C-alpha atoms as a PDB file:
ATOM      1  CA  UNK A   1    -179.854  47.049  -6.864  1.00  0.00           C
ATOM      2  CA  UNK A   2    -179.530  44.459  -4.606  1.00  0.00           C
ATOM      3  CA  UNK A   3    -176.226  42.917  -5.646  1.00  0.00           C
ATOM      4  CA  UNK A   4    -174.248  45.948  -4.325  1.00  0.00           C
ATOM      5  CA  UNK A   5    -176.185  46.093  -0.764  1.00  0.00           C
ATOM      6  CA  UNK A   6    -175.368  42.631  -0.258  1.00  0.00           C
ATOM      7  CA  UNK A   7    -171.469  43.014  -1.333  1.00  0.00           C
ATOM      8  CA  UNK A   8    -171.589  45.846   1.269  1.00  0.00           C
ATOM      9  CA  UNK A   9    -173.131  44.519   4.015  1.00  0.00           C
ATOM     10  CA  UNK A  10    -170.532  41.079   3.645  1.00  0.00           C
ATOM     11  CA  UNK A  11    -167.640  43.500   3.720  1.00  0.00           C
ATOM     12  CA  UNK A  12    -168.418  45.545   6.513  1.00  0.00           C
ATOM     13  CA  UNK A  13    -169.509  41.956   8.652  1.00  0.00           C
ATOM     14  CA  UNK A  14    -165.801  41.219   7.346  1.00  0.00           C
ATOM     15  CA  UNK A  15    -167.004  38.578   4.664  1.00  0.00           C
ATOM     16  CA  UNK A  16    -165.546  37.921   1.563  1.00  0.00           C
ATOM     17  CA  UNK A  17    -166.698  39.389  -1.392  1.00  0.00           C
ATOM     18  CA  UNK A  18    -166.297  37.952  -4.921  1.00  0.00           C
ATOM     19  CA  UNK A  19    -166.399  39.954  -8.186  1.00  0.00           C
ATOM     20  CA  UNK A  20    -166.170  38.466 -11.101  1.00  0.00           C
ATOM     21  CA  UNK A  21    -165.346  39.525 -15.018  1.00  0.00           C
ATOM     22  CA  UNK A  22    -163.699  38.554 -18.509  1.00  0.00           C
ATOM     23  CA  UNK A  23    -159.597  37.665 -18.754  1.00  0.00           C
ATOM     24  CA  UNK A  24    -157.707  37.524 -21.696  1.00  0.00           C
ATOM     25  CA  UNK A  25    -159.169  34.631 -22.831  1.00  0.00           C
ATOM     26  CA  UNK A  26    -161.179  33.718 -20.043  1.00  0.00           C
ATOM     27  CA  UNK A  27    -162.656  34.907 -17.058  1.00  0.00           C
ATOM     28  CA  UNK A  28    -161.322  36.133 -13.607  1.00  0.00           C
ATOM     29  CA  UNK A  29    -162.981  35.931 -10.155  1.00  0.00           C
ATOM     30  CA  UNK A  30    -161.673  38.276  -7.423  1.00  0.00           C
ATOM     31  CA  UNK A  31    -162.431  37.584  -3.771  1.00  0.00           C
ATOM     32  CA  UNK A  32    -161.975  40.022  -1.197  1.00  0.00           C
ATOM     33  CA  UNK A  33    -161.737  40.159   2.549  1.00  0.00           C
ATOM     34  CA  UNK A  34    -162.164  43.276   4.778  1.00  0.00           C
ATOM     35  CA  UNK A  35    -161.577  43.542   8.639  1.00  0.00           C
ATOM     36  CA  UNK A  36    -164.233  44.772  10.738  1.00  0.00           C
ATOM     37  CA  UNK A  37    -163.489  48.055  10.151  1.00  0.00           C
ATOM     38  CA  UNK A  38    -163.449  48.214   6.379  1.00  0.00           C
ATOM     39  CA  UNK A  39    -159.502  47.525   5.398  1.00  0.00           C
ATOM     40  CA  UNK A  40    -159.345  45.446   2.687  1.00  0.00           C
ATOM     41  CA  UNK A  41    -157.247  42.164   4.333  1.00  0.00           C
ATOM     42  CA  UNK A  42    -156.752  40.008   1.398  1.00  0.00           C
ATOM     43  CA  UNK A  43    -157.601  39.611  -2.199  1.00  0.00           C
ATOM     44  CA  UNK A  44    -157.696  36.271  -4.367  1.00  0.00           C
ATOM     45  CA  UNK A  45    -157.615  35.973  -8.029  1.00  0.00           C
ATOM     46  CA  UNK A  46    -158.865  33.142  -9.734  1.00  0.00           C
ATOM     47  CA  UNK A  47    -158.991  32.227 -13.903  1.00  0.00           C
ATOM     48  CA  UNK A  48    -161.182  29.716 -15.516  1.00  0.00           C
ATOM     49  CA  UNK A  49    -161.152  28.750 -18.885  1.00  0.00           C
ATOM     50  CA  UNK A  50    -164.416  27.262 -19.119  1.00  0.00           C
ATOM     51  CA  UNK A  51    -162.639  24.314 -16.988  1.00  0.00           C
ATOM     52  CA  UNK A  52    -163.718  25.360 -13.555  1.00  0.00           C
ATOM     53  CA  UNK A  53    -161.656  27.771 -11.343  1.00  0.00           C
ATOM     54  CA  UNK A  54    -158.029  28.040 -10.438  1.00  0.00           C
ATOM     55  CA  UNK A  55    -156.145  29.936  -8.328  1.00  0.00           C
ATOM     56  CA  UNK A  56    -153.970  32.298  -9.711  1.00  0.00           C
ATOM     57  CA  UNK A  57    -152.470  35.189  -7.189  1.00  0.00           C
ATOM     58  CA  UNK A  58    -152.886  36.063  -3.824  1.00  0.00           C
ATOM     59  CA  UNK A  59    -152.591  39.666  -1.713  1.00  0.00           C
ATOM     60  CA  UNK A  60    -152.710  39.756   1.758  1.00  0.00           C
ATOM     61  CA  UNK A  61    -152.632  43.213   3.986  1.00  0.00           C
ATOM     62  CA  UNK A  62    -151.849  44.128   7.371  1.00  0.00           C
ATOM     63  CA  UNK A  63    -152.924  47.710   9.432  1.00  0.00           C
ATOM     64  CA  UNK A  64    -151.618  48.961  12.201  1.00  0.00           C
ATOM     65  CA  UNK A  65    -154.033  50.633  14.763  1.00  0.00           C
ATOM     66  CA  UNK A  66    -154.590  53.742  13.039  1.00  0.00           C
ATOM     67  CA  UNK A  67    -155.668  51.461   9.710  1.00  0.00           C
ATOM     68  CA  UNK A  68    -152.497  52.685   8.272  1.00  0.00           C
ATOM     69  CA  UNK A  69    -151.069  49.644   6.331  1.00  0.00           C
ATOM     70  CA  UNK A  70    -148.003  48.173   7.624  1.00  0.00           C
ATOM     71  CA  UNK A  71    -147.161  45.189   5.381  1.00  0.00           C
ATOM     72  CA  UNK A  72    -148.395  44.092   1.680  1.00  0.00           C
ATOM     73  CA  UNK A  73    -147.664  40.250   0.271  1.00  0.00           C
ATOM     74  CA  UNK A  74    -148.269  39.097  -3.126  1.00  0.00           C
ATOM     75  CA  UNK A  75    -147.974  35.210  -3.105  1.00  0.00           C
ATOM     76  CA  UNK A  76    -148.324  33.214  -6.742  1.00  0.00           C
ATOM     77  CA  UNK A  77    -150.320  29.839  -7.205  1.00  0.00           C
ATOM     78  CA  UNK A  78    -147.326  27.556  -8.684  1.00  0.00           C
ATOM     79  CA  UNK A  79    -148.248  23.916  -8.922  1.00  0.00           C
ATOM     80  CA  UNK A  80    -150.729  23.529  -5.638  1.00  0.00           C
ATOM     81  CA  UNK A  81    -149.387  26.172  -3.526  1.00  0.00           C
ATOM     82  CA  UNK A  82    -148.964  29.826  -2.517  1.00  0.00           C
ATOM     83  CA  UNK A  83    -145.508  30.928  -3.125  1.00  0.00           C
ATOM     84  CA  UNK A  84    -144.471  34.393  -2.081  1.00  0.00           C
ATOM     85  CA  UNK A  85    -143.394  36.767  -4.785  1.00  0.00           C
ATOM     86  CA  UNK A  86    -142.544  39.752  -3.118  1.00  0.00           C
ATOM     87  CA  UNK A  87    -143.680  42.119   0.430  1.00  0.00           C
ATOM     88  CA  UNK A  88    -143.958  45.235   1.454  1.00  0.00           C
ATOM     89  CA  UNK A  89    -143.530  47.279   4.407  1.00  0.00           C
ATOM     90  CA  UNK A  90    -144.323  50.331   5.582  1.00  0.00           C
ATOM     91  CA  UNK A  91    -143.387  53.121   8.129  1.00  0.00           C
ATOM     92  CA  UNK A  92    -144.571  56.176   9.466  1.00  0.00           C
ATOM     93  CA  UNK A  93    -143.687  58.940  11.951  1.00  0.00           C
ATOM     94  CA  UNK A  94    -145.585  60.240  15.053  1.00  0.00           C
ATOM     95  CA  UNK A  95    -147.682  62.127  13.172  1.00  0.00           C
ATOM     96  CA  UNK A  96    -148.797  59.281  11.065  1.00  0.00           C
ATOM     97  CA  UNK A  97    -147.178  60.038   7.588  1.00  0.00           C
ATOM     98  CA  UNK A  98    -145.954  57.354   5.847  1.00  0.00           C
ATOM     99  CA  UNK A  99    -141.226  57.366   6.164  1.00  0.00           C
ATOM    100  CA  UNK A 100    -140.472  54.324   3.717  1.00  0.00           C
ATOM    101  CA  UNK A 101    -141.770  51.875   1.828  1.00  0.00           C
ATOM    102  CA  UNK A 102    -139.100  48.538   1.917  1.00  0.00           C
ATOM    103  CA  UNK A 103    -139.643  46.054  -0.647  1.00  0.00           C
ATOM    104  CA  UNK A 104    -138.000  42.394  -0.497  1.00  0.00           C
ATOM    105  CA  UNK A 105    -138.388  39.646  -2.909  1.00  0.00           C
ATOM    106  CA  UNK A 106    -138.933  35.600  -1.665  1.00  0.00           C
ATOM    107  CA  UNK A 107    -135.277  34.057  -2.890  1.00  0.00           C
ATOM    108  CA  UNK A 108    -137.313  30.243  -2.201  1.00  0.00           C
ATOM    109  CA  UNK A 109    -135.754  30.026   1.265  1.00  0.00           C
ATOM    110  CA  UNK A 110    -135.695  33.565   2.920  1.00  0.00           C
ATOM    111  CA  UNK A 111    -136.482  37.412   2.259  1.00  0.00           C
ATOM    112  CA  UNK A 112    -134.421  39.352   0.478  1.00  0.00           C
ATOM    113  CA  UNK A 113    -133.898  43.119  -0.094  1.00  0.00           C
ATOM    114  CA  UNK A 114    -134.920  44.422  -3.500  1.00  0.00           C
ATOM    115  CA  UNK A 115    -136.026  48.269  -3.103  1.00  0.00           C
ATOM    116  CA  UNK A 116    -136.194  51.065  -0.339  1.00  0.00           C
ATOM    117  CA  UNK A 117    -138.141  54.156  -0.694  1.00  0.00           C
ATOM    118  CA  UNK A 118    -137.109  57.393   1.951  1.00  0.00           C
ATOM    119  CA  UNK A 119    -139.543  60.145   2.085  1.00  0.00           C
ATOM    120  CA  UNK A 120    -139.330  63.335   3.665  1.00  0.00           C
ATOM    121  CA  UNK A 121    -142.523  65.598   4.426  1.00  0.00           C
ATOM    122  CA  UNK A 122    -143.820  69.184   5.140  1.00  0.00           C
ATOM    123  CA  UNK A 123    -145.167  69.710   8.237  1.00  0.00           C
ATOM    124  CA  UNK A 124    -148.742  68.476   6.311  1.00  0.00           C
ATOM    125  CA  UNK A 125    -147.859  65.832   5.371  1.00  0.00           C
ATOM    126  CA  UNK A 126    -147.560  66.226   1.612  1.00  0.00           C
ATOM    127  CA  UNK A 127    -143.824  64.342   0.430  1.00  0.00           C
ATOM    128  CA  UNK A 128    -141.030  66.944  -0.327  1.00  0.00           C
ATOM    129  CA  UNK A 129    -138.293  64.362  -1.333  1.00  0.00           C
ATOM    130  CA  UNK A 130    -138.539  60.553  -2.051  1.00  0.00           C
ATOM    131  CA  UNK A 131    -135.268  58.773  -2.007  1.00  0.00           C
ATOM    132  CA  UNK A 132    -135.161  55.307  -4.111  1.00  0.00           C
ATOM    133  CA  UNK A 133    -132.033  52.897  -3.352  1.00  0.00           C
ATOM    134  CA  UNK A 134    -131.850  49.382  -4.609  1.00  0.00           C
ATOM    135  CA  UNK A 135    -130.036  46.244  -2.844  1.00  0.00           C
ATOM    136  CA  UNK A 136    -126.879  45.612  -4.471  1.00  0.00           C
ATOM    137  CA  UNK A 137    -126.108  42.270  -2.157  1.00  0.00           C
ATOM    138  CA  UNK A 138    -124.807  43.935   0.420  1.00  0.00           C
ATOM    139  CA  UNK A 139    -125.816  47.523   0.866  1.00  0.00           C
ATOM    140  CA  UNK A 140    -128.436  49.806   0.082  1.00  0.00           C
ATOM    141  CA  UNK A 141    -127.062  51.800  -3.731  1.00  0.00           C
ATOM    142  CA  UNK A 142    -128.292  55.430  -4.704  1.00  0.00           C
ATOM    143  CA  UNK A 143    -130.477  55.453  -7.244  1.00  0.00           C
ATOM    144  CA  UNK A 144    -133.133  58.282  -8.169  1.00  0.00           C
ATOM    145  CA  UNK A 145    -134.312  61.121  -5.995  1.00  0.00           C
ATOM    146  CA  UNK A 146    -137.767  63.044  -6.434  1.00  0.00           C
ATOM    147  CA  UNK A 147    -137.993  66.477  -4.480  1.00  0.00           C
ATOM    148  CA  UNK A 148    -141.485  68.203  -4.843  1.00  0.00           C
ATOM    149  CA  UNK A 149    -142.426  71.423  -4.109  1.00  0.00           C
ATOM    150  CA  UNK A 150    -145.860  73.432  -3.515  1.00  0.00           C
ATOM    151  CA  UNK A 151    -147.322  76.805  -3.811  1.00  0.00           C
ATOM    152  CA  UNK A 152    -149.696  78.560  -0.376  1.00  0.00           C
ATOM    153  CA  UNK A 153    -152.268  76.334  -1.497  1.00  0.00           C
ATOM    154  CA  UNK A 154    -150.468  73.318  -1.342  1.00  0.00           C
ATOM    155  CA  UNK A 155    -150.478  72.780  -5.033  1.00  0.00           C
ATOM    156  CA  UNK A 156    -147.774  70.721  -6.484  1.00  0.00           C
ATOM    157  CA  UNK A 157    -145.961  73.438  -8.653  1.00  0.00           C
ATOM    158  CA  UNK A 158    -142.589  72.060  -9.435  1.00  0.00           C
ATOM    159  CA  UNK A 159    -140.790  68.387  -9.185  1.00  0.00           C
ATOM    160  CA  UNK A 160    -137.211  67.594 -10.264  1.00  0.00           C
ATOM    161  CA  UNK A 161    -135.400  64.030 -10.640  1.00  0.00           C
ATOM    162  CA  UNK A 162    -132.382  63.509 -10.203  1.00  0.00           C
ATOM    163  CA  UNK A 163    -130.496  60.284 -10.769  1.00  0.00           C
ATOM    164  CA  UNK A 164    -127.266  58.566  -8.866  1.00  0.00           C
ATOM    165  CA  UNK A 165    -123.807  58.706 -10.960  1.00  0.00           C
ATOM    166  CA  UNK A 166    -121.618  56.504  -8.618  1.00  0.00           C
ATOM    167  CA  UNK A 167    -120.619  59.727  -6.051  1.00  0.00           C
ATOM    168  CA  UNK A 168    -123.775  62.189  -6.761  1.00  0.00           C
ATOM    169  CA  UNK A 169    -126.630  63.299  -7.884  1.00  0.00           C
ATOM    170  CA  UNK A 170    -127.437  64.836 -11.299  1.00  0.00           C
ATOM    171  CA  UNK A 171    -130.262  66.403 -13.089  1.00  0.00           C
ATOM    172  CA  UNK A 172    -132.266  64.052 -15.299  1.00  0.00           C
ATOM    173  CA  UNK A 173    -135.705  66.396 -15.495  1.00  0.00           C
ATOM    174  CA  UNK A 174    -138.133  68.413 -14.195  1.00  0.00           C
ATOM    175  CA  UNK A 175    -141.664  69.215 -14.365  1.00  0.00           C
ATOM    176  CA  UNK A 176    -143.381  72.407 -13.745  1.00  0.00           C
ATOM    177  CA  UNK A 177    -147.104  72.961 -12.806  1.00  0.00           C
ATOM    178  CA  UNK A 178    -149.640  75.877 -13.137  1.00  0.00           C
ATOM    179  CA  UNK A 179    -153.249  75.923 -11.926  1.00  0.00           C
ATOM    180  CA  UNK A 180    -155.821  78.219 -13.247  1.00  0.00           C
ATOM    181  CA  UNK A 181    -157.707  80.367 -11.461  1.00  0.00           C
ATOM    182  CA  UNK A 182    -160.468  78.208 -10.251  1.00  0.00           C
ATOM    183  CA  UNK A 183    -157.301  75.350  -9.129  1.00  0.00           C
ATOM    184  CA  UNK A 184    -158.895  72.601 -11.062  1.00  0.00           C
ATOM    185  CA  UNK A 185    -156.809  73.694 -14.620  1.00  0.00           C
ATOM    186  CA  UNK A 186    -153.575  72.374 -14.811  1.00  0.00           C
ATOM    187  CA  UNK A 187    -150.671  73.009 -17.246  1.00  0.00           C
ATOM    188  CA  UNK A 188    -147.714  70.616 -17.443  1.00  0.00           C
ATOM    189  CA  UNK A 189    -144.554  71.314 -18.743  1.00  0.00           C
ATOM    190  CA  UNK A 190    -141.304  69.384 -18.302  1.00  0.00           C
ATOM    191  CA  UNK A 191    -137.491  69.770 -19.674  1.00  0.00           C
ATOM    192  CA  UNK A 192    -134.589  67.496 -19.788  1.00  0.00           C
ATOM    193  CA  UNK A 193    -132.123  68.163 -16.709  1.00  0.00           C
ATOM    194  CA  UNK A 194    -128.818  68.060 -18.111  1.00  0.00           C
END
């Protein structure tokens, strides 16, 4: 009863919060750090196989003035130091809706483009189109496009997945979603696109 209260207080004050649980073959411990308004700024994972704790992974996030995440960085413990793995950077439009996610990987000396998602949103902020691209070393190359359709209640009703075949988008598959009278029941069915 007291442990959740202490965790909540430490989180609000911006102090690290620790959590421990079993991992494959041993124990895993997670320490969380939050900023003054409750955004999680880092998660440190340590592992133990009965002979002390060893660093494993470190995730850190930054936020804009509105509390939206702007970067996410993942590092791994290698030898005796943290080594960057990848970084995501998020962009938003004037309404605060996410418009893109850029993923870059660490080459050992510099950040290298890896993946890019660009989003088109409807007036309420729901995504209508997601275009996924990969970096080929010099330019972004189309890979996948997902289109979302909604009903008057802003519930998703249709998803179309397309893939890029060097010159045009081609249907890959689609999914239809129906809802019961209470709006909670969902029925999914898919069919191949080609």
